[in-house]
Amino acid sequence: FMTPKEFFKDDIQSDDADTGNDVVGVLDPNGEVRQVRSSGTRVFIPEIQGVGTIRTRHPI
């Protein structure tokens, strides 16, 4: 869980098989809670504001 919550649009579609669409809180080096999403390999990444949905051919 390293991707900032704000990076993707808020209306991420989920499926019962999805296990990583939730937002979690992690502590940054200063002890402040930051909301993040999972950052694993995906075939289609959630929509990015101003960019759209991207299909990844190779893990990035």
PDB file of N, CA and C in Angstrom:
ATOM      1  N   PHE A   1       0.850  -1.177   0.000  1.00  0.00           N
ATOM      2  CA  PHE A   1       0.000   0.000   0.000  1.00  0.00           C
ATOM      3  C   PHE A   1       0.889   1.231   0.000  1.00  0.00           C
ATOM      4  N   MET A   2       1.089   1.775  -1.207  1.00  0.00           N
ATOM      5  CA  MET A   2       1.974   2.927  -1.324  1.00  0.00           C
ATOM      6  C   MET A   2       1.412   4.037  -2.202  1.00  0.00           C
ATOM      7  N   THR A   3       0.384   3.745  -2.997  1.00  0.00           N
ATOM      8  CA  THR A   3      -0.156   4.732  -3.923  1.00  0.00           C
ATOM      9  C   THR A   3      -1.099   5.682  -3.191  1.00  0.00           C
ATOM     10  N   PRO A   4      -0.858   6.997  -3.233  1.00  0.00           N
ATOM     11  CA  PRO A   4      -1.758   7.935  -2.555  1.00  0.00           C
ATOM     12  C   PRO A   4      -3.191   7.791  -3.054  1.00  0.00           C
ATOM     13  N   LYS A   5      -4.148   7.862  -2.143  1.00  0.00           N
ATOM     14  CA  LYS A   5      -5.573   7.724  -2.477  1.00  0.00           C
ATOM     15  C   LYS A   5      -5.978   8.701  -3.569  1.00  0.00           C
ATOM     16  N   GLU A   6      -5.442   9.902  -3.553  1.00  0.00           N
ATOM     17  CA  GLU A   6      -5.828  10.952  -4.484  1.00  0.00           C
ATOM     18  C   GLU A   6      -5.351  10.703  -5.918  1.00  0.00           C
ATOM     19  N   PHE A   7      -4.435   9.758  -6.120  1.00  0.00           N
ATOM     20  CA  PHE A   7      -3.883   9.515  -7.456  1.00  0.00           C
ATOM     21  C   PHE A   7      -4.943   9.010  -8.425  1.00  0.00           C
ATOM     22  N   PHE A   8      -5.831   8.108  -7.973  1.00  0.00           N
ATOM     23  CA  PHE A   8      -6.885   7.564  -8.819  1.00  0.00           C
ATOM     24  C   PHE A   8      -8.205   8.250  -8.513  1.00  0.00           C
ATOM     25  N   LYS A   9      -9.127   8.250  -9.499  1.00  0.00           N
ATOM     26  CA  LYS A   9     -10.463   8.791  -9.263  1.00  0.00           C
ATOM     27  C   LYS A   9     -11.128   7.998  -8.145  1.00  0.00           C
ATOM     28  N   ASP A  10     -12.117   8.610  -7.482  1.00  0.00           N
ATOM     29  CA  ASP A  10     -12.769   7.967  -6.348  1.00  0.00           C
ATOM     30  C   ASP A  10     -13.729   6.851  -6.720  1.00  0.00           C
ATOM     31  N   ASP A  11     -14.229   6.820  -7.950  1.00  0.00           N
ATOM     32  CA  ASP A  11     -15.245   5.835  -8.311  1.00  0.00           C
ATOM     33  C   ASP A  11     -14.652   4.560  -8.912  1.00  0.00           C
ATOM     34  N   ILE A  12     -13.748   3.934  -8.181  1.00  0.00           N
ATOM     35  CA  ILE A  12     -13.136   2.691  -8.644  1.00  0.00           C
ATOM     36  C   ILE A  12     -14.161   1.569  -8.549  1.00  0.00           C
ATOM     37  N   GLN A  13     -14.378   0.880  -9.679  1.00  0.00           N
ATOM     38  CA  GLN A  13     -15.311  -0.240  -9.683  1.00  0.00           C
ATOM     39  C   GLN A  13     -14.631  -1.435  -9.042  1.00  0.00           C
ATOM     40  N   SER A  14     -15.394  -2.165  -8.237  1.00  0.00           N
ATOM     41  CA  SER A  14     -14.797  -3.328  -7.595  1.00  0.00           C
ATOM     42  C   SER A  14     -15.575  -4.578  -7.958  1.00  0.00           C
ATOM     43  N   ASP A  15     -14.949  -5.686  -7.720  1.00  0.00           N
ATOM     44  CA  ASP A  15     -15.494  -7.001  -7.989  1.00  0.00           C
ATOM     45  C   ASP A  15     -15.304  -7.812  -6.715  1.00  0.00           C
ATOM     46  N   ASP A  16     -16.138  -8.828  -6.491  1.00  0.00           N
ATOM     47  CA  ASP A  16     -16.000  -9.637  -5.280  1.00  0.00           C
ATOM     48  C   ASP A  16     -14.616 -10.277  -5.177  1.00  0.00           C
ATOM     49  N   ALA A  17     -13.963 -10.499  -6.316  1.00  0.00           N
ATOM     50  CA  ALA A  17     -12.634 -11.114  -6.301  1.00  0.00           C
ATOM     51  C   ALA A  17     -11.532 -10.112  -5.970  1.00  0.00           C
ATOM     52  N   ASP A  18     -11.830  -8.826  -6.037  1.00  0.00           N
ATOM     53  CA  ASP A  18     -10.823  -7.809  -5.727  1.00  0.00           C
ATOM     54  C   ASP A  18     -10.562  -7.783  -4.232  1.00  0.00           C
ATOM     55  N   THR A  19      -9.299  -7.803  -3.890  1.00  0.00           N
ATOM     56  CA  THR A  19      -8.944  -7.755  -2.471  1.00  0.00           C
ATOM     57  C   THR A  19      -8.128  -6.519  -2.124  1.00  0.00           C
ATOM     58  N   GLY A  20      -7.825  -5.679  -3.108  1.00  0.00           N
ATOM     59  CA  GLY A  20      -6.961  -4.544  -2.831  1.00  0.00           C
ATOM     60  C   GLY A  20      -7.521  -3.197  -3.211  1.00  0.00           C
ATOM     61  N   ASN A  21      -8.843  -3.043  -3.282  1.00  0.00           N
ATOM     62  CA  ASN A  21      -9.419  -1.757  -3.669  1.00  0.00           C
ATOM     63  C   ASN A  21      -9.694  -0.841  -2.495  1.00  0.00           C
ATOM     64  N   ASP A  22      -9.467  -1.310  -1.298  1.00  0.00           N
ATOM     65  CA  ASP A  22      -9.763  -0.499  -0.127  1.00  0.00           C
ATOM     66  C   ASP A  22      -8.668   0.529   0.128  1.00  0.00           C
ATOM     67  N   VAL A  23      -9.058   1.609   0.762  1.00  0.00           N
ATOM     68  CA  VAL A  23      -8.110   2.632   1.194  1.00  0.00           C
ATOM     69  C   VAL A  23      -7.732   2.308   2.633  1.00  0.00           C
ATOM     70  N   VAL A  24      -6.447   2.386   2.928  1.00  0.00           N
ATOM     71  CA  VAL A  24      -5.969   2.152   4.287  1.00  0.00           C
ATOM     72  C   VAL A  24      -5.135   3.345   4.722  1.00  0.00           C
ATOM     73  N   GLY A  25      -4.940   3.476   6.006  1.00  0.00           N
ATOM     74  CA  GLY A  25      -4.114   4.551   6.543  1.00  0.00           C
ATOM     75  C   GLY A  25      -2.752   4.023   6.954  1.00  0.00           C
ATOM     76  N   VAL A  26      -1.698   4.706   6.548  1.00  0.00           N
ATOM     77  CA  VAL A  26      -0.338   4.354   6.959  1.00  0.00           C
ATOM     78  C   VAL A  26       0.324   5.602   7.532  1.00  0.00           C
ATOM     79  N   LEU A  27       1.282   5.392   8.403  1.00  0.00           N
ATOM     80  CA  LEU A  27       1.999   6.515   9.001  1.00  0.00           C
ATOM     81  C   LEU A  27       3.164   6.927   8.116  1.00  0.00           C
ATOM     82  N   ASP A  28       3.280   8.225   7.854  1.00  0.00           N
ATOM     83  CA  ASP A  28       4.433   8.714   7.107  1.00  0.00           C
ATOM     84  C   ASP A  28       5.597   8.897   8.090  1.00  0.00           C
ATOM     85  N   PRO A  29       6.781   9.271   7.615  1.00  0.00           N
ATOM     86  CA  PRO A  29       7.936   9.421   8.513  1.00  0.00           C
ATOM     87  C   PRO A  29       7.728  10.417   9.655  1.00  0.00           C
ATOM     88  N   ASN A  30       6.763  11.345   9.501  1.00  0.00           N
ATOM     89  CA  ASN A  30       6.485  12.329  10.548  1.00  0.00           C
ATOM     90  C   ASN A  30       5.397  11.881  11.506  1.00  0.00           C
ATOM     91  N   GLY A  31       4.893  10.655  11.332  1.00  0.00           N
ATOM     92  CA  GLY A  31       3.862  10.135  12.220  1.00  0.00           C
ATOM     93  C   GLY A  31       2.450  10.538  11.841  1.00  0.00           C
ATOM     94  N   GLU A  32       2.258  11.142  10.659  1.00  0.00           N
ATOM     95  CA  GLU A  32       0.924  11.531  10.208  1.00  0.00           C
ATOM     96  C   GLU A  32       0.318  10.409   9.374  1.00  0.00           C
ATOM     97  N   VAL A  33      -0.998  10.201   9.527  1.00  0.00           N
ATOM     98  CA  VAL A  33      -1.691   9.163   8.773  1.00  0.00           C
ATOM     99  C   VAL A  33      -1.949   9.655   7.354  1.00  0.00           C
ATOM    100  N   ARG A  34      -1.563   8.842   6.379  1.00  0.00           N
ATOM    101  CA  ARG A  34      -1.802   9.136   4.960  1.00  0.00           C
ATOM    102  C   ARG A  34      -2.675   8.025   4.392  1.00  0.00           C
ATOM    103  N   GLN A  35      -3.698   8.391   3.599  1.00  0.00           N
ATOM    104  CA  GLN A  35      -4.579   7.398   2.996  1.00  0.00           C
ATOM    105  C   GLN A  35      -3.969   6.917   1.686  1.00  0.00           C
ATOM    106  N   VAL A  36      -3.804   5.595   1.569  1.00  0.00           N
ATOM    107  CA  VAL A  36      -3.173   5.000   0.390  1.00  0.00           C
ATOM    108  C   VAL A  36      -3.969   3.799  -0.098  1.00  0.00           C
ATOM    109  N   ARG A  37      -3.713   3.408  -1.334  1.00  0.00           N
ATOM    110  CA  ARG A  37      -4.308   2.222  -1.950  1.00  0.00           C
ATOM    111  C   ARG A  37      -3.190   1.220  -2.238  1.00  0.00           C
ATOM    112  N   SER A  38      -3.598  -0.001  -2.555  1.00  0.00           N
ATOM    113  CA  SER A  38      -2.605  -1.021  -2.888  1.00  0.00           C
ATOM    114  C   SER A  38      -1.828  -0.597  -4.132  1.00  0.00           C
ATOM    115  N   SER A  39      -0.622  -1.104  -4.257  1.00  0.00           N
ATOM    116  CA  SER A  39       0.226  -0.699  -5.376  1.00  0.00           C
ATOM    117  C   SER A  39       0.805  -1.901  -6.110  1.00  0.00           C
ATOM    118  N   GLY A  40       0.056  -2.999  -6.147  1.00  0.00           N
ATOM    119  CA  GLY A  40       0.523  -4.207  -6.824  1.00  0.00           C
ATOM    120  C   GLY A  40       0.345  -4.133  -8.331  1.00  0.00           C
ATOM    121  N   THR A  41       0.743  -5.204  -9.008  1.00  0.00           N
ATOM    122  CA  THR A  41       0.634  -5.303 -10.459  1.00  0.00           C
ATOM    123  C   THR A  41      -0.821  -5.473 -10.868  1.00  0.00           C
ATOM    124  N   ARG A  42      -1.254  -4.744 -11.882  1.00  0.00           N
ATOM    125  CA  ARG A  42      -2.636  -4.813 -12.369  1.00  0.00           C
ATOM    126  C   ARG A  42      -2.623  -4.888 -13.892  1.00  0.00           C
ATOM    127  N   VAL A  43      -3.672  -5.485 -14.473  1.00  0.00           N
ATOM    128  CA  VAL A  43      -3.823  -5.490 -15.923  1.00  0.00           C
ATOM    129  C   VAL A  43      -4.393  -4.150 -16.366  1.00  0.00           C
ATOM    130  N   PHE A  44      -5.450  -3.699 -15.704  1.00  0.00           N
ATOM    131  CA  PHE A  44      -6.024  -2.377 -15.947  1.00  0.00           C
ATOM    132  C   PHE A  44      -5.885  -1.589 -14.654  1.00  0.00           C
ATOM    133  N   ILE A  45      -5.241  -0.440 -14.722  1.00  0.00           N
ATOM    134  CA  ILE A  45      -5.141   0.358 -13.506  1.00  0.00           C
ATOM    135  C   ILE A  45      -6.382   1.237 -13.407  1.00  0.00           C
ATOM    136  N   PRO A  46      -6.785   1.608 -12.195  1.00  0.00           N
ATOM    137  CA  PRO A  46      -7.957   2.475 -12.042  1.00  0.00           C
ATOM    138  C   PRO A  46      -7.772   3.780 -12.813  1.00  0.00           C
ATOM    139  N   GLU A  47      -8.881   4.410 -13.137  1.00  0.00           N
ATOM    140  CA  GLU A  47      -8.842   5.645 -13.925  1.00  0.00           C
ATOM    141  C   GLU A  47      -8.069   6.738 -13.204  1.00  0.00           C
ATOM    142  N   ILE A  48      -7.212   7.402 -13.959  1.00  0.00           N
ATOM    143  CA  ILE A  48      -6.449   8.542 -13.460  1.00  0.00           C
ATOM    144  C   ILE A  48      -7.109   9.797 -14.013  1.00  0.00           C
ATOM    145  N   GLN A  49      -7.412  10.753 -13.146  1.00  0.00           N
ATOM    146  CA  GLN A  49      -8.072  11.993 -13.559  1.00  0.00           C
ATOM    147  C   GLN A  49      -7.283  12.660 -14.677  1.00  0.00           C
ATOM    148  N   GLY A  50      -7.949  12.937 -15.799  1.00  0.00           N
ATOM    149  CA  GLY A  50      -7.308  13.601 -16.917  1.00  0.00           C
ATOM    150  C   GLY A  50      -6.538  12.682 -17.850  1.00  0.00           C
ATOM    151  N   VAL A  51      -6.400  11.408 -17.493  1.00  0.00           N
ATOM    152  CA  VAL A  51      -5.667  10.449 -18.317  1.00  0.00           C
ATOM    153  C   VAL A  51      -6.587   9.334 -18.788  1.00  0.00           C
ATOM    154  N   GLY A  52      -7.366   8.765 -17.874  1.00  0.00           N
ATOM    155  CA  GLY A  52      -8.268   7.667 -18.201  1.00  0.00           C
ATOM    156  C   GLY A  52      -7.771   6.343 -17.653  1.00  0.00           C
ATOM    157  N   THR A  53      -8.378   5.251 -18.135  1.00  0.00           N
ATOM    158  CA  THR A  53      -7.983   3.906 -17.724  1.00  0.00           C
ATOM    159  C   THR A  53      -6.874   3.428 -18.649  1.00  0.00           C
ATOM    160  N   ILE A  54      -5.864   2.820 -18.078  1.00  0.00           N
ATOM    161  CA  ILE A  54      -4.719   2.356 -18.853  1.00  0.00           C
ATOM    162  C   ILE A  54      -4.574   0.852 -18.679  1.00  0.00           C
ATOM    163  N   ARG A  55      -4.339   0.156 -19.802  1.00  0.00           N
ATOM    164  CA  ARG A  55      -4.047  -1.274 -19.745  1.00  0.00           C
ATOM    165  C   ARG A  55      -2.536  -1.409 -19.761  1.00  0.00           C
ATOM    166  N   THR A  56      -1.988  -2.111 -18.777  1.00  0.00           N
ATOM    167  CA  THR A  56      -0.543  -2.299 -18.722  1.00  0.00           C
ATOM    168  C   THR A  56      -0.177  -3.595 -19.425  1.00  0.00           C
ATOM    169  N   ARG A  57       0.767  -3.531 -20.335  1.00  0.00           N
ATOM    170  CA  ARG A  57       1.218  -4.734 -21.039  1.00  0.00           C
ATOM    171  C   ARG A  57       2.297  -5.435 -20.242  1.00  0.00           C
ATOM    172  N   HIS A  58       3.071  -4.683 -19.531  1.00  0.00           N
ATOM    173  CA  HIS A  58       4.144  -5.227 -18.705  1.00  0.00           C
ATOM    174  C   HIS A  58       4.066  -4.518 -17.361  1.00  0.00           C
ATOM    175  N   PRO A  59       4.355  -5.217 -16.280  1.00  0.00           N
ATOM    176  CA  PRO A  59       4.305  -4.556 -14.963  1.00  0.00           C
ATOM    177  C   PRO A  59       5.181  -3.309 -14.940  1.00  0.00           C
ATOM    178  N   ILE A  60       4.635  -2.257 -14.355  1.00  0.00           N
ATOM    179  CA  ILE A  60       5.399  -1.013 -14.238  1.00  0.00           C
ATOM    180  C   ILE A  60       5.577  -0.659 -12.782  1.00  0.00           C
TER     181      ILE A  60
END
